[in-house]
PDB file of N, CA and C in Angstrom:
ATOM      1  N   MET A   1     -27.407 -14.133  60.136  1.00  0.00           N
ATOM      2  CA  MET A   1     -27.872 -12.763  60.213  1.00  0.00           C
ATOM      3  C   MET A   1     -28.357 -12.485  61.620  1.00  0.00           C
ATOM      4  N   ASP A   2     -27.954 -11.368  62.160  1.00  0.00           N
ATOM      5  CA  ASP A   2     -28.476 -10.903  63.445  1.00  0.00           C
ATOM      6  C   ASP A   2     -29.676 -10.011  63.146  1.00  0.00           C
ATOM      7  N   TYR A   3     -30.869 -10.458  63.560  1.00  0.00           N
ATOM      8  CA  TYR A   3     -32.098  -9.744  63.252  1.00  0.00           C
ATOM      9  C   TYR A   3     -32.239  -8.508  64.122  1.00  0.00           C
ATOM     10  N   GLU A   4     -32.647  -7.411  63.483  1.00  0.00           N
ATOM     11  CA  GLU A   4     -32.923  -6.186  64.229  1.00  0.00           C
ATOM     12  C   GLU A   4     -34.407  -5.868  64.216  1.00  0.00           C
ATOM     13  N   VAL A   5     -35.046  -6.060  63.065  1.00  0.00           N
ATOM     14  CA  VAL A   5     -36.479  -5.786  62.943  1.00  0.00           C
ATOM     15  C   VAL A   5     -37.022  -6.613  61.782  1.00  0.00           C
ATOM     16  N   PHE A   6     -38.292  -6.998  61.865  1.00  0.00           N
ATOM     17  CA  PHE A   6     -38.895  -7.743  60.772  1.00  0.00           C
ATOM     18  C   PHE A   6     -40.363  -7.378  60.656  1.00  0.00           C
ATOM     19  N   GLU A   7     -40.929  -7.692  59.484  1.00  0.00           N
ATOM     20  CA  GLU A   7     -42.363  -7.544  59.288  1.00  0.00           C
ATOM     21  C   GLU A   7     -42.841  -8.650  58.359  1.00  0.00           C
ATOM     22  N   ASP A   8     -44.116  -9.005  58.507  1.00  0.00           N
ATOM     23  CA  ASP A   8     -44.698 -10.029  57.649  1.00  0.00           C
ATOM     24  C   ASP A   8     -44.842  -9.498  56.232  1.00  0.00           C
ATOM     25  N   VAL A   9     -44.650 -10.370  55.258  1.00  0.00           N
ATOM     26  CA  VAL A   9     -44.869 -10.013  53.863  1.00  0.00           C
ATOM     27  C   VAL A   9     -46.370  -9.870  53.660  1.00  0.00           C
ATOM     28  N   SER A  10     -46.784  -8.829  52.944  1.00  0.00           N
ATOM     29  CA  SER A  10     -48.203  -8.495  52.842  1.00  0.00           C
ATOM     30  C   SER A  10     -49.032  -9.483  52.024  1.00  0.00           C
ATOM     31  N   ASP A  11     -48.412 -10.455  51.362  1.00  0.00           N
ATOM     32  CA  ASP A  11     -49.193 -11.407  50.567  1.00  0.00           C
ATOM     33  C   ASP A  11     -49.733 -12.573  51.387  1.00  0.00           C
ATOM     34  N   GLU A  12     -49.584 -12.525  52.685  1.00  0.00           N
ATOM     35  CA  GLU A  12     -50.104 -13.533  53.613  1.00  0.00           C
ATOM     36  C   GLU A  12     -49.528 -14.925  53.375  1.00  0.00           C
ATOM     37  N   SER A  13     -48.332 -14.997  52.844  1.00  0.00           N
ATOM     38  CA  SER A  13     -47.681 -16.278  52.599  1.00  0.00           C
ATOM     39  C   SER A  13     -47.027 -16.843  53.853  1.00  0.00           C
ATOM     40  N   GLY A  14     -46.972 -16.031  54.898  1.00  0.00           N
ATOM     41  CA  GLY A  14     -46.265 -16.436  56.104  1.00  0.00           C
ATOM     42  C   GLY A  14     -44.792 -16.071  56.057  1.00  0.00           C
ATOM     43  N   ALA A  15     -44.371 -15.468  54.951  1.00  0.00           N
ATOM     44  CA  ALA A  15     -42.980 -15.061  54.809  1.00  0.00           C
ATOM     45  C   ALA A  15     -42.742 -13.747  55.550  1.00  0.00           C
ATOM     46  N   GLU A  16     -41.468 -13.451  55.797  1.00  0.00           N
ATOM     47  CA  GLU A  16     -41.092 -12.226  56.507  1.00  0.00           C
ATOM     48  C   GLU A  16     -39.977 -11.501  55.758  1.00  0.00           C
ATOM     49  N   LEU A  17     -39.947 -10.197  55.936  1.00  0.00           N
ATOM     50  CA  LEU A  17     -38.821  -9.369  55.530  1.00  0.00           C
ATOM     51  C   LEU A  17     -38.069  -9.029  56.807  1.00  0.00           C
ATOM     52  N   ILE A  18     -36.768  -9.247  56.800  1.00  0.00           N
ATOM     53  CA  ILE A  18     -35.973  -9.069  58.007  1.00  0.00           C
ATOM     54  C   ILE A  18     -34.826  -8.113  57.711  1.00  0.00           C
ATOM     55  N   LEU A  19     -34.636  -7.133  58.570  1.00  0.00           N
ATOM     56  CA  LEU A  19     -33.505  -6.223  58.476  1.00  0.00           C
ATOM     57  C   LEU A  19     -32.545  -6.523  59.611  1.00  0.00           C
ATOM     58  N   GLY A  20     -31.267  -6.476  59.316  1.00  0.00           N
ATOM     59  CA  GLY A  20     -30.302  -6.734  60.374  1.00  0.00           C
ATOM     60  C   GLY A  20     -28.875  -6.725  59.885  1.00  0.00           C
ATOM     61  N   ARG A  21     -28.003  -7.213  60.738  1.00  0.00           N
ATOM     62  CA  ARG A  21     -26.580  -7.321  60.412  1.00  0.00           C
ATOM     63  C   ARG A  21     -26.378  -8.506  59.487  1.00  0.00           C
ATOM     64  N   SER A  22     -25.603  -8.303  58.440  1.00  0.00           N
ATOM     65  CA  SER A  22     -25.404  -9.341  57.431  1.00  0.00           C
ATOM     66  C   SER A  22     -24.691 -10.561  58.001  1.00  0.00           C
ATOM     67  N   SER A  23     -24.826 -11.658  57.276  1.00  0.00           N
ATOM     68  CA  SER A  23     -24.198 -12.901  57.711  1.00  0.00           C
ATOM     69  C   SER A  23     -22.763 -13.019  57.212  1.00  0.00           C
ATOM     70  N   TRP A  24     -22.296 -12.060  56.447  1.00  0.00           N
ATOM     71  CA  TRP A  24     -20.918 -12.070  55.960  1.00  0.00           C
ATOM     72  C   TRP A  24     -20.128 -10.956  56.637  1.00  0.00           C
ATOM     73  N   GLU A  25     -18.851 -10.971  56.523  1.00  0.00           N
ATOM     74  CA  GLU A  25     -17.942  -9.952  57.070  1.00  0.00           C
ATOM     75  C   GLU A  25     -18.198  -9.676  58.550  1.00  0.00           C
ATOM     76  N   ASN A  26     -18.493 -10.703  59.298  1.00  0.00           N
ATOM     77  CA  ASN A  26     -18.727 -10.563  60.743  1.00  0.00           C
ATOM     78  C   ASN A  26     -19.800  -9.530  61.071  1.00  0.00           C
ATOM     79  N   GLY A  27     -20.790  -9.392  60.197  1.00  0.00           N
ATOM     80  CA  GLY A  27     -21.895  -8.476  60.465  1.00  0.00           C
ATOM     81  C   GLY A  27     -21.546  -7.014  60.320  1.00  0.00           C
ATOM     82  N   ALA A  28     -20.513  -6.699  59.540  1.00  0.00           N
ATOM     83  CA  ALA A  28     -20.100  -5.312  59.382  1.00  0.00           C
ATOM     84  C   ALA A  28     -21.050  -4.531  58.479  1.00  0.00           C
ATOM     85  N   ASP A  29     -21.861  -5.209  57.692  1.00  0.00           N
ATOM     86  CA  ASP A  29     -22.791  -4.570  56.771  1.00  0.00           C
ATOM     87  C   ASP A  29     -24.212  -4.900  57.220  1.00  0.00           C
ATOM     88  N   THR A  30     -25.175  -4.137  56.740  1.00  0.00           N
ATOM     89  CA  THR A  30     -26.574  -4.438  57.019  1.00  0.00           C
ATOM     90  C   THR A  30     -27.204  -5.020  55.763  1.00  0.00           C
ATOM     91  N   SER A  31     -28.274  -5.782  55.952  1.00  0.00           N
ATOM     92  CA  SER A  31     -28.894  -6.432  54.815  1.00  0.00           C
ATOM     93  C   SER A  31     -30.386  -6.633  55.042  1.00  0.00           C
ATOM     94  N   LEU A  32     -31.056  -6.966  53.937  1.00  0.00           N
ATOM     95  CA  LEU A  32     -32.467  -7.320  53.937  1.00  0.00           C
ATOM     96  C   LEU A  32     -32.551  -8.799  53.590  1.00  0.00           C
ATOM     97  N   LYS A  33     -33.374  -9.518  54.326  1.00  0.00           N
ATOM     98  CA  LYS A  33     -33.515 -10.954  54.075  1.00  0.00           C
ATOM     99  C   LYS A  33     -34.990 -11.279  53.897  1.00  0.00           C
ATOM    100  N   TYR A  34     -35.261 -12.175  52.966  1.00  0.00           N
ATOM    101  CA  TYR A  34     -36.601 -12.722  52.768  1.00  0.00           C
ATOM    102  C   TYR A  34     -36.571 -14.134  53.325  1.00  0.00           C
ATOM    103  N   ALA A  35     -37.455 -14.431  54.239  1.00  0.00           N
ATOM    104  CA  ALA A  35     -37.493 -15.766  54.846  1.00  0.00           C
ATOM    105  C   ALA A  35     -38.942 -16.246  54.909  1.00  0.00           C
ATOM    106  N   TRP A  36     -39.111 -17.529  54.802  1.00  0.00           N
ATOM    107  CA  TRP A  36     -40.435 -18.119  54.863  1.00  0.00           C
ATOM    108  C   TRP A  36     -40.467 -19.149  55.984  1.00  0.00           C
ATOM    109  N   ARG A  37     -41.659 -19.599  56.306  1.00  0.00           N
ATOM    110  CA  ARG A  37     -41.834 -20.599  57.363  1.00  0.00           C
ATOM    111  C   ARG A  37     -41.805 -21.997  56.750  1.00  0.00           C
ATOM    112  N   ASP A  38     -41.099 -22.895  57.393  1.00  0.00           N
ATOM    113  CA  ASP A  38     -41.080 -24.281  56.912  1.00  0.00           C
ATOM    114  C   ASP A  38     -42.328 -25.010  57.422  1.00  0.00           C
ATOM    115  N   LYS A  39     -42.435 -26.302  57.116  1.00  0.00           N
ATOM    116  CA  LYS A  39     -43.629 -27.056  57.497  1.00  0.00           C
ATOM    117  C   LYS A  39     -43.818 -27.157  59.003  1.00  0.00           C
ATOM    118  N   ASN A  40     -42.751 -26.915  59.772  1.00  0.00           N
ATOM    119  CA  ASN A  40     -42.850 -26.930  61.233  1.00  0.00           C
ATOM    120  C   ASN A  40     -43.084 -25.547  61.822  1.00  0.00           C
ATOM    121  N   GLY A  41     -43.229 -24.550  60.934  1.00  0.00           N
ATOM    122  CA  GLY A  41     -43.482 -23.194  61.388  1.00  0.00           C
ATOM    123  C   GLY A  41     -42.244 -22.413  61.774  1.00  0.00           C
ATOM    124  N   LYS A  42     -41.064 -23.003  61.542  1.00  0.00           N
ATOM    125  CA  LYS A  42     -39.817 -22.312  61.869  1.00  0.00           C
ATOM    126  C   LYS A  42     -39.347 -21.484  60.680  1.00  0.00           C
ATOM    127  N   ARG A  43     -38.673 -20.398  60.981  1.00  0.00           N
ATOM    128  CA  ARG A  43     -38.148 -19.519  59.939  1.00  0.00           C
ATOM    129  C   ARG A  43     -37.112 -20.280  59.116  1.00  0.00           C
ATOM    130  N   ALA A  44     -37.364 -20.414  57.829  1.00  0.00           N
ATOM    131  CA  ALA A  44     -36.431 -21.111  56.935  1.00  0.00           C
ATOM    132  C   ALA A  44     -35.405 -20.114  56.399  1.00  0.00           C
ATOM    133  N   ARG A  45     -34.331 -20.668  55.914  1.00  0.00           N
ATOM    134  CA  ARG A  45     -33.292 -19.815  55.347  1.00  0.00           C
ATOM    135  C   ARG A  45     -33.809 -19.159  54.079  1.00  0.00           C
ATOM    136  N   GLY A  46     -33.563 -17.877  53.933  1.00  0.00           N
ATOM    137  CA  GLY A  46     -34.016 -17.154  52.750  1.00  0.00           C
ATOM    138  C   GLY A  46     -32.881 -16.392  52.114  1.00  0.00           C
ATOM    139  N   GLY A  47     -33.193 -15.701  51.047  1.00  0.00           N
ATOM    140  CA  GLY A  47     -32.196 -14.910  50.344  1.00  0.00           C
ATOM    141  C   GLY A  47     -31.868 -13.635  51.099  1.00  0.00           C
ATOM    142  N   GLU A  48     -30.628 -13.212  51.007  1.00  0.00           N
ATOM    143  CA  GLU A  48     -30.152 -12.016  51.721  1.00  0.00           C
ATOM    144  C   GLU A  48     -29.494 -11.067  50.721  1.00  0.00           C
ATOM    145  N   LEU A  49     -29.809  -9.793  50.831  1.00  0.00           N
ATOM    146  CA  LEU A  49     -29.291  -8.774  49.926  1.00  0.00           C
ATOM    147  C   LEU A  49     -28.726  -7.627  50.753  1.00  0.00           C
ATOM    148  N   PRO A  50     -27.482  -7.207  50.494  1.00  0.00           N
ATOM    149  CA  PRO A  50     -26.940  -6.089  51.272  1.00  0.00           C
ATOM    150  C   PRO A  50     -27.749  -4.814  51.015  1.00  0.00           C
ATOM    151  N   ASN A  51     -27.950  -4.035  52.055  1.00  0.00           N
ATOM    152  CA  ASN A  51     -28.705  -2.790  51.901  1.00  0.00           C
ATOM    153  C   ASN A  51     -28.087  -1.870  50.856  1.00  0.00           C
ATOM    154  N   SER A  52     -26.780  -1.952  50.692  1.00  0.00           N
ATOM    155  CA  SER A  52     -26.113  -1.104  49.701  1.00  0.00           C
ATOM    156  C   SER A  52     -26.540  -1.441  48.271  1.00  0.00           C
ATOM    157  N   ALA A  53     -27.174  -2.589  48.051  1.00  0.00           N
ATOM    158  CA  ALA A  53     -27.610  -2.987  46.716  1.00  0.00           C
ATOM    159  C   ALA A  53     -29.115  -2.818  46.495  1.00  0.00           C
ATOM    160  N   LEU A  54     -29.866  -2.423  47.535  1.00  0.00           N
ATOM    161  CA  LEU A  54     -31.322  -2.334  47.414  1.00  0.00           C
ATOM    162  C   LEU A  54     -31.763  -1.332  46.354  1.00  0.00           C
ATOM    163  N   ARG A  55     -31.181  -0.156  46.346  1.00  0.00           N
ATOM    164  CA  ARG A  55     -31.576   0.881  45.387  1.00  0.00           C
ATOM    165  C   ARG A  55     -31.343   0.396  43.957  1.00  0.00           C
ATOM    166  N   GLN A  56     -30.173  -0.158  43.714  1.00  0.00           N
ATOM    167  CA  GLN A  56     -29.864  -0.661  42.380  1.00  0.00           C
ATOM    168  C   GLN A  56     -30.791  -1.812  42.006  1.00  0.00           C
ATOM    169  N   ALA A  57     -31.071  -2.695  42.961  1.00  0.00           N
ATOM    170  CA  ALA A  57     -31.953  -3.835  42.689  1.00  0.00           C
ATOM    171  C   ALA A  57     -33.352  -3.360  42.294  1.00  0.00           C
ATOM    172  N   ALA A  58     -33.879  -2.361  42.987  1.00  0.00           N
ATOM    173  CA  ALA A  58     -35.208  -1.832  42.659  1.00  0.00           C
ATOM    174  C   ALA A  58     -35.208  -1.180  41.281  1.00  0.00           C
ATOM    175  N   ARG A  59     -34.168  -0.386  40.981  1.00  0.00           N
ATOM    176  CA  ARG A  59     -34.070   0.243  39.650  1.00  0.00           C
ATOM    177  C   ARG A  59     -33.966  -0.821  38.558  1.00  0.00           C
ATOM    178  N   PHE A  60     -33.138  -1.817  38.783  1.00  0.00           N
ATOM    179  CA  PHE A  60     -32.932  -2.893  37.814  1.00  0.00           C
ATOM    180  C   PHE A  60     -34.253  -3.618  37.528  1.00  0.00           C
ATOM    181  N   ALA A  61     -34.965  -3.988  38.588  1.00  0.00           N
ATOM    182  CA  ALA A  61     -36.237  -4.697  38.415  1.00  0.00           C
ATOM    183  C   ALA A  61     -37.269  -3.833  37.689  1.00  0.00           C
ATOM    184  N   ALA A  62     -37.303  -2.545  38.006  1.00  0.00           N
ATOM    185  CA  ALA A  62     -38.248  -1.637  37.340  1.00  0.00           C
ATOM    186  C   ALA A  62     -37.877  -1.452  35.870  1.00  0.00           C
ATOM    187  N   ARG A  63     -36.606  -1.224  35.614  1.00  0.00           N
ATOM    188  CA  ARG A  63     -36.146  -0.996  34.238  1.00  0.00           C
ATOM    189  C   ARG A  63     -36.398  -2.208  33.344  1.00  0.00           C
ATOM    190  N   GLU A  64     -36.217  -3.396  33.898  1.00  0.00           N
ATOM    191  CA  GLU A  64     -36.407  -4.627  33.126  1.00  0.00           C
ATOM    192  C   GLU A  64     -37.861  -5.112  33.150  1.00  0.00           C
ATOM    193  N   ARG A  65     -38.740  -4.294  33.722  1.00  0.00           N
ATOM    194  CA  ARG A  65     -40.172  -4.571  33.769  1.00  0.00           C
ATOM    195  C   ARG A  65     -40.531  -5.811  34.604  1.00  0.00           C
ATOM    196  N   TYR A  66     -39.679  -6.139  35.573  1.00  0.00           N
ATOM    197  CA  TYR A  66     -40.024  -7.205  36.522  1.00  0.00           C
ATOM    198  C   TYR A  66     -40.968  -6.666  37.588  1.00  0.00           C
ATOM    199  N   LEU A  67     -40.949  -5.365  37.797  1.00  0.00           N
ATOM    200  CA  LEU A  67     -41.931  -4.700  38.656  1.00  0.00           C
ATOM    201  C   LEU A  67     -42.926  -4.011  37.734  1.00  0.00           C
ATOM    202  N   PRO A  68     -44.209  -4.337  37.837  1.00  0.00           N
ATOM    203  CA  PRO A  68     -45.206  -3.675  37.007  1.00  0.00           C
ATOM    204  C   PRO A  68     -45.228  -2.168  37.287  1.00  0.00           C
ATOM    205  N   ARG A  69     -45.655  -1.421  36.320  1.00  0.00           N
ATOM    206  CA  ARG A  69     -45.686   0.040  36.415  1.00  0.00           C
ATOM    207  C   ARG A  69     -46.421   0.522  37.670  1.00  0.00           C
ATOM    208  N   ASP A  70     -47.544  -0.099  38.012  1.00  0.00           N
ATOM    209  CA  ASP A  70     -48.290   0.337  39.197  1.00  0.00           C
ATOM    210  C   ASP A  70     -47.516   0.044  40.489  1.00  0.00           C
ATOM    211  N   GLU A  71     -46.707  -1.020  40.517  1.00  0.00           N
ATOM    212  CA  GLU A  71     -45.869  -1.302  41.681  1.00  0.00           C
ATOM    213  C   GLU A  71     -44.763  -0.254  41.826  1.00  0.00           C
ATOM    214  N   VAL A  72     -44.184   0.155  40.709  1.00  0.00           N
ATOM    215  CA  VAL A  72     -43.144   1.184  40.738  1.00  0.00           C
ATOM    216  C   VAL A  72     -43.745   2.498  41.230  1.00  0.00           C
ATOM    217  N   ALA A  73     -44.919   2.856  40.727  1.00  0.00           N
ATOM    218  CA  ALA A  73     -45.589   4.084  41.153  1.00  0.00           C
ATOM    219  C   ALA A  73     -45.926   4.016  42.645  1.00  0.00           C
ATOM    220  N   GLY A  74     -46.405   2.862  43.099  1.00  0.00           N
ATOM    221  CA  GLY A  74     -46.729   2.696  44.520  1.00  0.00           C
ATOM    222  C   GLY A  74     -45.497   2.806  45.398  1.00  0.00           C
ATOM    223  N   LEU A  75     -44.393   2.223  44.942  1.00  0.00           N
ATOM    224  CA  LEU A  75     -43.135   2.314  45.685  1.00  0.00           C
ATOM    225  C   LEU A  75     -42.669   3.761  45.780  1.00  0.00           C
ATOM    226  N   ALA A  76     -42.739   4.477  44.663  1.00  0.00           N
ATOM    227  CA  ALA A  76     -42.336   5.892  44.664  1.00  0.00           C
ATOM    228  C   ALA A  76     -43.193   6.695  45.642  1.00  0.00           C
ATOM    229  N   LYS A  77     -44.502   6.471  45.629  1.00  0.00           N
ATOM    230  CA  LYS A  77     -45.401   7.183  46.542  1.00  0.00           C
ATOM    231  C   LYS A  77     -45.078   6.840  47.997  1.00  0.00           C
ATOM    232  N   ASP A  78     -44.864   5.558  48.281  1.00  0.00           N
ATOM    233  CA  ASP A  78     -44.532   5.144  49.645  1.00  0.00           C
ATOM    234  C   ASP A  78     -43.249   5.821  50.130  1.00  0.00           C
ATOM    235  N   LEU A  79     -42.231   5.891  49.269  1.00  0.00           N
ATOM    236  CA  LEU A  79     -40.972   6.507  49.659  1.00  0.00           C
ATOM    237  C   LEU A  79     -41.133   8.008  49.907  1.00  0.00           C
ATOM    238  N   VAL A  80     -41.909   8.674  49.051  1.00  0.00           N
ATOM    239  CA  VAL A  80     -42.165  10.101  49.257  1.00  0.00           C
ATOM    240  C   VAL A  80     -42.908  10.318  50.574  1.00  0.00           C
ATOM    241  N   ASP A  81     -43.899   9.481  50.864  1.00  0.00           N
ATOM    242  CA  ASP A  81     -44.654   9.597  52.126  1.00  0.00           C
ATOM    243  C   ASP A  81     -43.712   9.397  53.334  1.00  0.00           C
ATOM    244  N   ILE A  82     -42.809   8.445  53.251  1.00  0.00           N
ATOM    245  CA  ILE A  82     -41.871   8.203  54.345  1.00  0.00           C
ATOM    246  C   ILE A  82     -40.958   9.402  54.539  1.00  0.00           C
ATOM    247  N   LEU A  83     -40.444   9.937  53.434  1.00  0.00           N
ATOM    248  CA  LEU A  83     -39.579  11.122  53.525  1.00  0.00           C
ATOM    249  C   LEU A  83     -40.328  12.309  54.113  1.00  0.00           C
ATOM    250  N   ALA A  84     -41.575  12.492  53.722  1.00  0.00           N
ATOM    251  CA  ALA A  84     -42.361  13.612  54.224  1.00  0.00           C
ATOM    252  C   ALA A  84     -42.663  13.473  55.715  1.00  0.00           C
ATOM    253  N   SER A  85     -42.813  12.251  56.182  1.00  0.00           N
ATOM    254  CA  SER A  85     -43.183  12.055  57.591  1.00  0.00           C
ATOM    255  C   SER A  85     -41.976  12.126  58.528  1.00  0.00           C
ATOM    256  N   THR A  86     -40.774  12.104  57.998  1.00  0.00           N
ATOM    257  CA  THR A  86     -39.588  12.143  58.847  1.00  0.00           C
ATOM    258  C   THR A  86     -38.976  13.528  58.957  1.00  0.00           C
ATOM    259  N   GLU A  87     -39.584  14.509  58.333  1.00  0.00           N
ATOM    260  CA  GLU A  87     -39.025  15.873  58.404  1.00  0.00           C
ATOM    261  C   GLU A  87     -39.601  16.640  59.558  1.00  0.00           C
TER     262      GLU A  87
END
């Protein structure tokens, strides 16, 4: 994955969320990656999800109750706030 931007995961685990060019199809798609630090402090390999699947993944997790109701409400509020601030 070619990293474009990242941020620390808010649970203070030392993990990061990374956005960038995917590791498949010669980087023709963009993706989100979850990565953690290994015992030497280096970024370890994490799971990667194409951005085109993020919306479905969030709906799926919410529908199957893998995301608690308050997390779904918080996500909805965050997205509305982001949309409002970009107009």
